[in-house]
Amino acid sequence: MDSYHSNSENTLLEDVDSTSTTLYPISQPSFVYQKSTGNRVIRLLKFLPGPTPSCTLIDADVDKAPPYLALSYTWGAPVFDHPVIINGCSLPITKNLTDALAALRGYARGRYLMLWADAPCINQGDIRERSSQVRLMNAIYRSAECVAIWLGESADDSDFIMDKIVEWKAD
């Protein structure tokens, strides 16, 4: 007999039978941005504890922000079909950003860092906000505790090349 229940964050529905478990997504309400509160205010993602990747979005003055990691990444294909859960709501993002967040989540949480990435931290549908935030990019990257560059998942011989770079740096 099958039983259905949701996990504690209501993001998955589990179909459990005697042979396997299948997870089905539960619809999340769509994320809606709140109006920015100032000219030098940025949004930062704070990862929440738990097995399901979710976060809150907080506002901070770029010059007085708590420690954060700024992410520079390639958007990849312009297909926004991977949700990130922010404040309990779903925001569609690209696969490449999903992969980057998955790779950096543990690193950021382990160091109590928040994370800035343009797609979720800037309201991409608001041209004024987007223009204002682009003017802050220099300050955003300079004010970050660290900057991560995400080119994508490893492919072909990319691991070899990255290992060589580390080796050359050590010499």
C-alpha atoms as a PDB file:
ATOM      1  CA  MET A   1       0.000   0.000   0.000  1.00  0.00           C
ATOM      2  CA  ASP A   2       1.303   3.461  -0.925  1.00  0.00           C
ATOM      3  CA  SER A   3       1.435   6.276   1.582  1.00  0.00           C
ATOM      4  CA  TYR A   4       1.885   9.948   0.787  1.00  0.00           C
ATOM      5  CA  HIS A   5       3.303  12.603   3.062  1.00  0.00           C
ATOM      6  CA  SER A   6       5.221  15.825   2.722  1.00  0.00           C
ATOM      7  CA  ASN A   7       8.560  16.643   4.224  1.00  0.00           C
ATOM      8  CA  SER A   8       8.940  19.276   6.935  1.00  0.00           C
ATOM      9  CA  GLU A   9       9.455  22.115   4.443  1.00  0.00           C
ATOM     10  CA  ASN A  10       6.471  21.155   2.257  1.00  0.00           C
ATOM     11  CA  THR A  11       8.623  21.040  -0.834  1.00  0.00           C
ATOM     12  CA  LEU A  12       8.318  17.369  -1.708  1.00  0.00           C
ATOM     13  CA  LEU A  13       5.602  14.760  -1.676  1.00  0.00           C
ATOM     14  CA  GLU A  14       6.902  11.289  -0.988  1.00  0.00           C
ATOM     15  CA  ASP A  15       5.305   8.164  -2.500  1.00  0.00           C
ATOM     16  CA  VAL A  16       6.525   5.285  -0.385  1.00  0.00           C
ATOM     17  CA  ASP A  17       5.802   1.672  -1.285  1.00  0.00           C
ATOM     18  CA  SER A  18       7.501  -1.566  -0.399  1.00  0.00           C
ATOM     19  CA  THR A  19      10.067  -1.343  -3.202  1.00  0.00           C
ATOM     20  CA  SER A  20      10.969   2.301  -3.719  1.00  0.00           C
ATOM     21  CA  THR A  21      10.484   5.929  -2.803  1.00  0.00           C
ATOM     22  CA  THR A  22       9.620   8.561  -5.394  1.00  0.00           C
ATOM     23  CA  LEU A  23       9.673  12.303  -4.691  1.00  0.00           C
ATOM     24  CA  TYR A  24       7.189  14.648  -6.358  1.00  0.00           C
ATOM     25  CA  PRO A  25       7.438  18.439  -6.069  1.00  0.00           C
ATOM     26  CA  ILE A  26       4.630  20.282  -4.321  1.00  0.00           C
ATOM     27  CA  SER A  27       3.679  23.595  -5.881  1.00  0.00           C
ATOM     28  CA  GLN A  28       5.222  26.557  -4.105  1.00  0.00           C
ATOM     29  CA  PRO A  29       3.813  30.057  -4.382  1.00  0.00           C
ATOM     30  CA  SER A  30       5.854  32.253  -6.736  1.00  0.00           C
ATOM     31  CA  PHE A  31       8.430  34.515  -5.154  1.00  0.00           C
ATOM     32  CA  VAL A  32       7.594  38.228  -5.259  1.00  0.00           C
ATOM     33  CA  TYR A  33      10.323  40.820  -4.679  1.00  0.00           C
ATOM     34  CA  GLN A  34       9.788  43.580  -2.146  1.00  0.00           C
ATOM     35  CA  LYS A  35      10.767  47.077  -3.255  1.00  0.00           C
ATOM     36  CA  SER A  36      14.392  47.896  -2.491  1.00  0.00           C
ATOM     37  CA  THR A  37      14.809  50.209   0.511  1.00  0.00           C
ATOM     38  CA  GLY A  38      17.686  52.407  -0.643  1.00  0.00           C
ATOM     39  CA  ASN A  39      20.161  53.373  -3.362  1.00  0.00           C
ATOM     40  CA  ARG A  40      23.034  51.215  -2.041  1.00  0.00           C
ATOM     41  CA  VAL A  41      20.945  48.352  -0.726  1.00  0.00           C
ATOM     42  CA  ILE A  42      21.604  44.853  -2.018  1.00  0.00           C
ATOM     43  CA  ARG A  43      19.857  41.575  -1.336  1.00  0.00           C
ATOM     44  CA  LEU A  44      21.726  38.603   0.109  1.00  0.00           C
ATOM     45  CA  LEU A  45      20.730  34.950   0.271  1.00  0.00           C
ATOM     46  CA  LYS A  46      21.005  33.298   3.674  1.00  0.00           C
ATOM     47  CA  PHE A  47      20.941  29.506   3.443  1.00  0.00           C
ATOM     48  CA  LEU A  48      18.636  27.816   5.924  1.00  0.00           C
ATOM     49  CA  PRO A  49      19.597  24.613   7.734  1.00  0.00           C
ATOM     50  CA  GLY A  50      18.105  21.366   6.564  1.00  0.00           C
ATOM     51  CA  PRO A  51      18.408  18.865   3.742  1.00  0.00           C
ATOM     52  CA  THR A  52      16.271  20.803   1.270  1.00  0.00           C
ATOM     53  CA  PRO A  53      18.055  23.823  -0.229  1.00  0.00           C
ATOM     54  CA  SER A  54      16.121  26.901   0.822  1.00  0.00           C
ATOM     55  CA  CYS A  55      17.040  30.383   1.906  1.00  0.00           C
ATOM     56  CA  THR A  56      15.828  33.758   3.009  1.00  0.00           C
ATOM     57  CA  LEU A  57      16.568  36.999   1.216  1.00  0.00           C
ATOM     58  CA  ILE A  58      17.688  39.939   3.327  1.00  0.00           C
ATOM     59  CA  ASP A  59      18.413  43.575   2.479  1.00  0.00           C
ATOM     60  CA  ALA A  60      21.764  45.107   3.438  1.00  0.00           C
ATOM     61  CA  ASP A  61      23.612  48.302   2.648  1.00  0.00           C
ATOM     62  CA  VAL A  62      26.488  47.243   0.377  1.00  0.00           C
ATOM     63  CA  ASP A  63      28.948  49.247   2.509  1.00  0.00           C
ATOM     64  CA  LYS A  64      27.739  47.714   5.817  1.00  0.00           C
ATOM     65  CA  ALA A  65      26.693  44.233   4.713  1.00  0.00           C
ATOM     66  CA  PRO A  66      27.401  41.151   6.821  1.00  0.00           C
ATOM     67  CA  PRO A  67      30.072  38.812   5.417  1.00  0.00           C
ATOM     68  CA  TYR A  68      28.994  37.355   2.083  1.00  0.00           C
ATOM     69  CA  LEU A  69      30.293  35.418  -0.870  1.00  0.00           C
ATOM     70  CA  ALA A  70      29.737  37.063  -4.264  1.00  0.00           C
ATOM     71  CA  LEU A  71      29.150  34.627  -7.097  1.00  0.00           C
ATOM     72  CA  SER A  72      30.242  35.258 -10.661  1.00  0.00           C
ATOM     73  CA  TYR A  73      28.876  32.600 -12.988  1.00  0.00           C
ATOM     74  CA  THR A  74      27.771  31.904 -16.512  1.00  0.00           C
ATOM     75  CA  TRP A  75      24.005  31.900 -16.862  1.00  0.00           C
ATOM     76  CA  GLY A  76      24.136  29.072 -19.369  1.00  0.00           C
ATOM     77  CA  ALA A  77      21.016  28.384 -21.416  1.00  0.00           C
ATOM     78  CA  PRO A  78      18.315  31.011 -20.756  1.00  0.00           C
ATOM     79  CA  VAL A  79      15.924  28.382 -19.437  1.00  0.00           C
ATOM     80  CA  PHE A  80      14.570  29.168 -15.978  1.00  0.00           C
ATOM     81  CA  ASP A  81      13.145  25.805 -14.993  1.00  0.00           C
ATOM     82  CA  HIS A  82      14.961  25.046 -11.729  1.00  0.00           C
ATOM     83  CA  PRO A  83      13.375  26.583  -8.630  1.00  0.00           C
ATOM     84  CA  VAL A  84      15.203  28.026  -5.667  1.00  0.00           C
ATOM     85  CA  ILE A  85      13.065  28.331  -2.530  1.00  0.00           C
ATOM     86  CA  ILE A  86      13.304  31.840  -1.065  1.00  0.00           C
ATOM     87  CA  ASN A  87      11.209  32.825   1.946  1.00  0.00           C
ATOM     88  CA  GLY A  88       9.090  29.725   1.307  1.00  0.00           C
ATOM     89  CA  CYS A  89       8.332  30.737  -2.284  1.00  0.00           C
ATOM     90  CA  SER A  90       9.679  29.479  -5.588  1.00  0.00           C
ATOM     91  CA  LEU A  91      11.891  31.562  -7.887  1.00  0.00           C
ATOM     92  CA  PRO A  92      12.848  29.925 -11.199  1.00  0.00           C
ATOM     93  CA  ILE A  93      16.566  30.031 -12.011  1.00  0.00           C
ATOM     94  CA  THR A  94      18.868  28.396 -14.551  1.00  0.00           C
ATOM     95  CA  LYS A  95      20.379  24.941 -14.162  1.00  0.00           C
ATOM     96  CA  ASN A  96      23.868  26.414 -13.990  1.00  0.00           C
ATOM     97  CA  LEU A  97      22.924  28.659 -11.060  1.00  0.00           C
ATOM     98  CA  THR A  98      21.192  25.709  -9.377  1.00  0.00           C
ATOM     99  CA  ASP A  99      24.425  23.713  -9.712  1.00  0.00           C
ATOM    100  CA  ALA A 100      26.502  26.625  -8.383  1.00  0.00           C
ATOM    101  CA  LEU A 101      24.228  27.115  -5.358  1.00  0.00           C
ATOM    102  CA  ALA A 102      24.335  23.389  -4.610  1.00  0.00           C
ATOM    103  CA  ALA A 103      28.140  23.419  -4.781  1.00  0.00           C
ATOM    104  CA  LEU A 104      28.518  26.558  -2.636  1.00  0.00           C
ATOM    105  CA  ARG A 105      25.743  26.023  -0.089  1.00  0.00           C
ATOM    106  CA  GLY A 106      27.849  23.980   2.341  1.00  0.00           C
ATOM    107  CA  TYR A 107      30.865  26.248   1.953  1.00  0.00           C
ATOM    108  CA  ALA A 108      28.833  29.390   2.670  1.00  0.00           C
ATOM    109  CA  ARG A 109      26.878  27.884   5.582  1.00  0.00           C
ATOM    110  CA  GLY A 110      30.025  26.448   7.167  1.00  0.00           C
ATOM    111  CA  ARG A 111      31.579  29.914   7.233  1.00  0.00           C
ATOM    112  CA  TYR A 112      28.393  31.798   8.194  1.00  0.00           C
ATOM    113  CA  LEU A 113      28.521  33.621   4.888  1.00  0.00           C
ATOM    114  CA  MET A 114      25.547  34.867   2.992  1.00  0.00           C
ATOM    115  CA  LEU A 115      25.630  34.748  -0.786  1.00  0.00           C
ATOM    116  CA  TRP A 116      25.068  37.295  -3.530  1.00  0.00           C
ATOM    117  CA  ALA A 117      24.236  36.195  -7.074  1.00  0.00           C
ATOM    118  CA  ASP A 118      22.635  38.502  -9.596  1.00  0.00           C
ATOM    119  CA  ALA A 119      19.672  36.377 -10.729  1.00  0.00           C
ATOM    120  CA  PRO A 120      18.032  35.832  -7.332  1.00  0.00           C
ATOM    121  CA  CYS A 121      19.338  38.982  -5.615  1.00  0.00           C
ATOM    122  CA  ILE A 122      18.269  41.472  -8.278  1.00  0.00           C
ATOM    123  CA  ASN A 123      14.688  41.713  -9.475  1.00  0.00           C
ATOM    124  CA  GLN A 124      15.394  40.889 -13.117  1.00  0.00           C
ATOM    125  CA  GLY A 125      11.903  42.047 -14.122  1.00  0.00           C
ATOM    126  CA  ASP A 126      12.429  45.600 -12.808  1.00  0.00           C
ATOM    127  CA  ILE A 127      14.589  47.542 -15.278  1.00  0.00           C
ATOM    128  CA  ARG A 128      15.189  50.443 -12.861  1.00  0.00           C
ATOM    129  CA  GLU A 129      16.356  48.150 -10.104  1.00  0.00           C
ATOM    130  CA  ARG A 130      18.489  46.128 -12.498  1.00  0.00           C
ATOM    131  CA  SER A 131      20.184  49.302 -13.802  1.00  0.00           C
ATOM    132  CA  SER A 132      20.762  50.597 -10.279  1.00  0.00           C
ATOM    133  CA  GLN A 133      22.269  47.281  -9.154  1.00  0.00           C
ATOM    134  CA  VAL A 134      24.540  47.049 -12.200  1.00  0.00           C
ATOM    135  CA  ARG A 135      26.018  50.408 -11.154  1.00  0.00           C
ATOM    136  CA  LEU A 136      26.778  48.821  -7.747  1.00  0.00           C
ATOM    137  CA  MET A 137      28.547  45.739  -9.166  1.00  0.00           C
ATOM    138  CA  ASN A 138      32.026  47.072  -8.439  1.00  0.00           C
ATOM    139  CA  ALA A 139      31.089  47.741  -4.802  1.00  0.00           C
ATOM    140  CA  ILE A 140      29.262  44.399  -4.526  1.00  0.00           C
ATOM    141  CA  TYR A 141      32.323  42.403  -5.580  1.00  0.00           C
ATOM    142  CA  ARG A 142      34.793  44.596  -3.658  1.00  0.00           C
ATOM    143  CA  SER A 143      32.751  44.377  -0.435  1.00  0.00           C
ATOM    144  CA  ALA A 144      32.421  40.597  -0.562  1.00  0.00           C
ATOM    145  CA  GLU A 145      34.330  38.462   1.927  1.00  0.00           C
ATOM    146  CA  CYS A 146      35.247  36.288  -1.048  1.00  0.00           C
ATOM    147  CA  VAL A 147      34.298  35.882  -4.696  1.00  0.00           C
ATOM    148  CA  ALA A 148      33.552  32.525  -6.291  1.00  0.00           C
ATOM    149  CA  ILE A 149      33.640  31.919 -10.014  1.00  0.00           C
ATOM    150  CA  TRP A 150      31.407  29.153 -11.359  1.00  0.00           C
ATOM    151  CA  LEU A 151      31.982  28.025 -14.925  1.00  0.00           C
ATOM    152  CA  GLY A 152      29.770  24.954 -14.677  1.00  0.00           C
ATOM    153  CA  GLU A 153      30.010  21.300 -13.783  1.00  0.00           C
ATOM    154  CA  SER A 154      33.262  19.602 -14.691  1.00  0.00           C
ATOM    155  CA  ALA A 155      33.425  18.250 -18.220  1.00  0.00           C
ATOM    156  CA  ASP A 156      35.926  16.540 -20.493  1.00  0.00           C
ATOM    157  CA  ASP A 157      39.377  17.330 -19.083  1.00  0.00           C
ATOM    158  CA  SER A 158      38.430  20.327 -16.934  1.00  0.00           C
ATOM    159  CA  ASP A 159      39.408  18.546 -13.685  1.00  0.00           C
ATOM    160  CA  PHE A 160      42.880  17.930 -15.132  1.00  0.00           C
ATOM    161  CA  ILE A 161      43.248  21.596 -16.038  1.00  0.00           C
ATOM    162  CA  MET A 162      42.059  22.778 -12.616  1.00  0.00           C
ATOM    163  CA  ASP A 163      44.481  20.373 -10.907  1.00  0.00           C
ATOM    164  CA  LYS A 164      47.304  21.769 -13.071  1.00  0.00           C
ATOM    165  CA  ILE A 165      46.420  25.337 -12.079  1.00  0.00           C
ATOM    166  CA  VAL A 166      46.600  24.371  -8.394  1.00  0.00           C
ATOM    167  CA  GLU A 167      49.911  22.595  -9.049  1.00  0.00           C
ATOM    168  CA  TRP A 168      51.347  25.633 -10.857  1.00  0.00           C
ATOM    169  CA  LYS A 169      50.243  27.905  -8.046  1.00  0.00           C
ATOM    170  CA  ALA A 170      52.073  25.721  -5.524  1.00  0.00           C
ATOM    171  CA  ASP A 171      55.341  25.968  -7.488  1.00  0.00           C
END
